[in-house]
Every structure is written in C-alpha cells, then in structure tokens.
C-alpha cells in the first residue's frame, strides 16, 4: 500500500505540496493531499492515483508517485511533468 502524500511533502521538481482542497484530515500532523492540490511554485495541480479513498469527496493523493499538471516553472524540466516525491512513513491508503 502506498504512503499518503501530505502538505509540505516534496515533489520531484523541488517544490512542495500546498494542501488547499481539504482542512480536516491529517496524517502525522500534516493535512493529507487530495486531487488538484497545488504547490508552492504555482500551478502543479496533483492528479490523484488513488481510486477508492476519498476525503470530502476528493480522491486522496499517494506517493506512488502520483503525477501533477505542469507547474509555474514549466518549461524547465521536470516542472512540466512533476510528481510526488514524499509521504508519510506510517500512514497508507491503497486501492
């Protein structure tokens, strides 16, 4: 089962996730990321790969890694194809 991705967890491009899509579910004291959460570089909406776990009607993002839309630093690689690069050490959500 993959680890959940959370607020301030890293992405492969060096940016970190900013959870704005939910404000009530935490893992290890950090908000759990959900589909369409952005990053601190602008844009980069996450594309949740989890198929069956939801928070407030939004799919949970895992560190499988899950992908994201291009962020504000695109066209510089890897900002055009970013993905998660971190998650909880002991909280998992699977399909």
C-alpha atoms as a PDB file:
ATOM      1  CA  UNK A   1       0.000   0.000   0.000  1.00  0.00           C
ATOM      2  CA  UNK A   2       1.414   3.444  -0.886  1.00  0.00           C
ATOM      3  CA  UNK A   3       2.114   6.207   1.617  1.00  0.00           C
ATOM      4  CA  UNK A   4      -0.223   9.201   1.681  1.00  0.00           C
ATOM      5  CA  UNK A   5       1.214  12.466   0.338  1.00  0.00           C
ATOM      6  CA  UNK A   6       0.742  15.479   2.647  1.00  0.00           C
ATOM      7  CA  UNK A   7       1.061  19.229   2.966  1.00  0.00           C
ATOM      8  CA  UNK A   8       4.690  20.353   2.564  1.00  0.00           C
ATOM      9  CA  UNK A   9       5.825  16.943   1.236  1.00  0.00           C
ATOM     10  CA  UNK A  10       8.324  17.224  -1.622  1.00  0.00           C
ATOM     11  CA  UNK A  11       7.792  16.819  -5.329  1.00  0.00           C
ATOM     12  CA  UNK A  12      10.407  15.605  -7.816  1.00  0.00           C
ATOM     13  CA  UNK A  13      10.834  19.146  -9.120  1.00  0.00           C
ATOM     14  CA  UNK A  14      11.863  20.561  -5.721  1.00  0.00           C
ATOM     15  CA  UNK A  15       8.590  22.338  -4.945  1.00  0.00           C
ATOM     16  CA  UNK A  16       6.372  21.239  -2.054  1.00  0.00           C
ATOM     17  CA  UNK A  17       2.658  20.497  -1.990  1.00  0.00           C
ATOM     18  CA  UNK A  18       0.248  23.044  -0.537  1.00  0.00           C
ATOM     19  CA  UNK A  19      -2.942  21.335   0.603  1.00  0.00           C
ATOM     20  CA  UNK A  20      -5.947  23.587  -0.029  1.00  0.00           C
ATOM     21  CA  UNK A  21      -8.589  21.055  -1.071  1.00  0.00           C
ATOM     22  CA  UNK A  22      -9.437  19.878   2.447  1.00  0.00           C
ATOM     23  CA  UNK A  23      -8.832  21.036   6.002  1.00  0.00           C
ATOM     24  CA  UNK A  24      -9.929  18.229   8.305  1.00  0.00           C
ATOM     25  CA  UNK A  25      -7.902  15.031   7.740  1.00  0.00           C
ATOM     26  CA  UNK A  26      -4.304  14.786   8.939  1.00  0.00           C
ATOM     27  CA  UNK A  27      -1.500  12.210   8.837  1.00  0.00           C
ATOM     28  CA  UNK A  28       1.412  12.760  11.215  1.00  0.00           C
ATOM     29  CA  UNK A  29       0.188  16.284  11.961  1.00  0.00           C
ATOM     30  CA  UNK A  30       0.058  17.341   8.288  1.00  0.00           C
ATOM     31  CA  UNK A  31      -3.010  17.709   6.071  1.00  0.00           C
ATOM     32  CA  UNK A  32      -3.415  14.814   3.625  1.00  0.00           C
ATOM     33  CA  UNK A  33      -3.177  15.885  -0.024  1.00  0.00           C
ATOM     34  CA  UNK A  34      -6.178  15.461  -2.317  1.00  0.00           C
ATOM     35  CA  UNK A  35      -6.780  15.673  -6.050  1.00  0.00           C
ATOM     36  CA  UNK A  36      -5.972  19.112  -7.543  1.00  0.00           C
ATOM     37  CA  UNK A  37      -3.877  20.468  -4.641  1.00  0.00           C
ATOM     38  CA  UNK A  38      -1.160  22.784  -5.994  1.00  0.00           C
ATOM     39  CA  UNK A  39       2.397  23.577  -4.962  1.00  0.00           C
ATOM     40  CA  UNK A  40       4.437  26.495  -3.701  1.00  0.00           C
ATOM     41  CA  UNK A  41       5.692  27.267  -7.226  1.00  0.00           C
ATOM     42  CA  UNK A  42       2.245  27.966  -8.644  1.00  0.00           C
ATOM     43  CA  UNK A  43       0.035  25.548 -10.514  1.00  0.00           C
ATOM     44  CA  UNK A  44       1.088  21.920 -10.448  1.00  0.00           C
ATOM     45  CA  UNK A  45      -2.335  20.518  -9.552  1.00  0.00           C
ATOM     46  CA  UNK A  46      -1.949  16.946  -8.303  1.00  0.00           C
ATOM     47  CA  UNK A  47      -3.635  14.108 -10.183  1.00  0.00           C
ATOM     48  CA  UNK A  48      -4.711  11.561  -7.573  1.00  0.00           C
ATOM     49  CA  UNK A  49      -3.900   7.962  -8.410  1.00  0.00           C
ATOM     50  CA  UNK A  50      -5.898   6.518  -5.531  1.00  0.00           C
ATOM     51  CA  UNK A  51      -9.143   5.012  -6.833  1.00  0.00           C
ATOM     52  CA  UNK A  52     -11.168   4.299  -3.708  1.00  0.00           C
ATOM     53  CA  UNK A  53     -10.138   6.575  -0.821  1.00  0.00           C
ATOM     54  CA  UNK A  54     -11.772   9.987  -0.535  1.00  0.00           C
ATOM     55  CA  UNK A  55     -11.634  12.997   1.776  1.00  0.00           C
ATOM     56  CA  UNK A  56     -14.638  15.301   1.473  1.00  0.00           C
ATOM     57  CA  UNK A  57     -15.473  13.755  -1.902  1.00  0.00           C
ATOM     58  CA  UNK A  58     -11.945  14.229  -3.320  1.00  0.00           C
ATOM     59  CA  UNK A  59      -9.531  11.403  -4.093  1.00  0.00           C
ATOM     60  CA  UNK A  60      -6.506  11.057  -1.802  1.00  0.00           C
ATOM     61  CA  UNK A  61      -3.040  11.580  -3.303  1.00  0.00           C
ATOM     62  CA  UNK A  62      -0.397   8.923  -2.638  1.00  0.00           C
ATOM     63  CA  UNK A  63       3.331   8.826  -3.102  1.00  0.00           C
ATOM     64  CA  UNK A  64       3.255   6.045  -5.678  1.00  0.00           C
ATOM     65  CA  UNK A  65       4.381   8.548  -7.131  1.00  0.00           C
ATOM     66  CA  UNK A  66       1.250  10.348  -8.296  1.00  0.00           C
ATOM     67  CA  UNK A  67       1.611  12.846 -11.120  1.00  0.00           C
ATOM     68  CA  UNK A  68       0.715  16.527 -11.386  1.00  0.00           C
ATOM     69  CA  UNK A  69      -0.062  19.073 -14.070  1.00  0.00           C
ATOM     70  CA  UNK A  70       2.740  21.436 -15.153  1.00  0.00           C
ATOM     71  CA  UNK A  71       3.671  23.994 -12.521  1.00  0.00           C
ATOM     72  CA  UNK A  72       4.673  27.643 -12.661  1.00  0.00           C
ATOM     73  CA  UNK A  73       8.313  26.827 -13.503  1.00  0.00           C
ATOM     74  CA  UNK A  74       7.489  24.954 -16.736  1.00  0.00           C
ATOM     75  CA  UNK A  75       9.046  24.758 -19.392  1.00  0.00           C
ATOM     76  CA  UNK A  76      12.073  23.993 -17.227  1.00  0.00           C
ATOM     77  CA  UNK A  77      12.355  20.230 -16.624  1.00  0.00           C
ATOM     78  CA  UNK A  78      10.982  18.472 -14.553  1.00  0.00           C
ATOM     79  CA  UNK A  79       8.371  21.157 -13.894  1.00  0.00           C
ATOM     80  CA  UNK A  80       6.322  20.176 -16.945  1.00  0.00           C
ATOM     81  CA  UNK A  81       5.803  16.627 -15.657  1.00  0.00           C
ATOM     82  CA  UNK A  82       6.026  16.905 -11.859  1.00  0.00           C
ATOM     83  CA  UNK A  83       5.122  14.135  -9.440  1.00  0.00           C
ATOM     84  CA  UNK A  84       5.080  13.411  -5.720  1.00  0.00           C
ATOM     85  CA  UNK A  85       8.381  12.581  -4.040  1.00  0.00           C
ATOM     86  CA  UNK A  86       7.470  12.147  -0.402  1.00  0.00           C
ATOM     87  CA  UNK A  87       4.840  10.960   2.003  1.00  0.00           C
ATOM     88  CA  UNK A  88       4.103   9.582   5.433  1.00  0.00           C
ATOM     89  CA  UNK A  89       6.349   6.909   6.912  1.00  0.00           C
ATOM     90  CA  UNK A  90       3.446   5.078   8.532  1.00  0.00           C
ATOM     91  CA  UNK A  91       0.089   6.162   7.068  1.00  0.00           C
ATOM     92  CA  UNK A  92      -1.007   4.393   3.899  1.00  0.00           C
ATOM     93  CA  UNK A  93      -4.041   4.403   1.609  1.00  0.00           C
ATOM     94  CA  UNK A  94      -4.476   1.795  -1.054  1.00  0.00           C
ATOM     95  CA  UNK A  95      -6.625   0.737  -3.899  1.00  0.00           C
END
